[in-house]
Amino acid sequence: MDQVEKVKKGPHTHFMVASTSVEKMEDGNLLENLALGIRLVNS
């Protein structure tokens, strides 16, 4: 169970960091792709 939690936290943290960078870039397409990626990680 612990291993699964670490795997889920890893990508989620990565997406959160990427989200901050993408918002600064203000690129709509990248934001859409990021949102899709977050949905896949959280599902």
Protein backbone atom coordinates (compact mmCIF):
# COMPACT_ATOMS: atom_id res chain seq x y z
CA MET A 1 0.00 0.00 0.00
CA ASP A 2 2.78 2.44 0.88
CA GLN A 3 4.40 1.85 -2.51
CA VAL A 4 1.19 2.74 -4.34
CA GLU A 5 0.78 5.95 -2.33
CA LYS A 6 4.33 7.05 -3.18
CA VAL A 7 3.71 6.41 -6.88
CA LYS A 8 0.53 8.49 -6.79
CA LYS A 9 2.16 11.35 -4.89
CA GLY A 10 5.16 11.49 -7.24
CA PRO A 11 3.32 12.33 -10.50
CA HIS A 12 0.79 14.50 -8.65
CA THR A 13 3.59 16.66 -7.22
CA HIS A 14 5.19 16.84 -10.67
CA PHE A 15 1.93 18.04 -12.22
CA MET A 16 1.49 20.69 -9.50
CA VAL A 17 4.98 22.05 -10.23
CA ALA A 18 4.36 21.93 -13.99
CA SER A 19 1.04 23.73 -13.52
CA THR A 20 2.80 26.71 -11.92
CA SER A 21 5.28 26.94 -14.82
CA VAL A 22 2.56 26.59 -17.46
CA GLU A 23 0.43 29.32 -15.88
CA LYS A 24 3.39 31.71 -16.13
CA MET A 25 3.75 30.79 -19.82
CA GLU A 26 0.00 31.37 -20.34
CA ASP A 27 -0.22 28.66 -23.01
CA GLY A 28 -3.81 27.41 -23.27
CA ASN A 29 -2.92 24.18 -25.10
CA LEU A 30 -0.36 23.19 -22.48
CA LEU A 31 -2.90 23.90 -19.73
CA GLU A 32 -5.44 21.64 -21.44
CA ASN A 33 -2.91 18.82 -21.79
CA LEU A 34 -1.89 19.26 -18.16
CA ALA A 35 -5.52 19.08 -17.02
CA LEU A 36 -5.95 15.81 -18.94
CA GLY A 37 -2.79 14.44 -17.35
CA ILE A 38 -4.00 15.36 -13.85
CA ARG A 39 -7.33 13.64 -14.53
CA LEU A 40 -5.47 10.46 -15.53
CA VAL A 41 -3.29 10.56 -12.40
CA ASN A 42 -6.26 11.15 -10.08
CA SER A 43 -8.56 8.55 -11.66
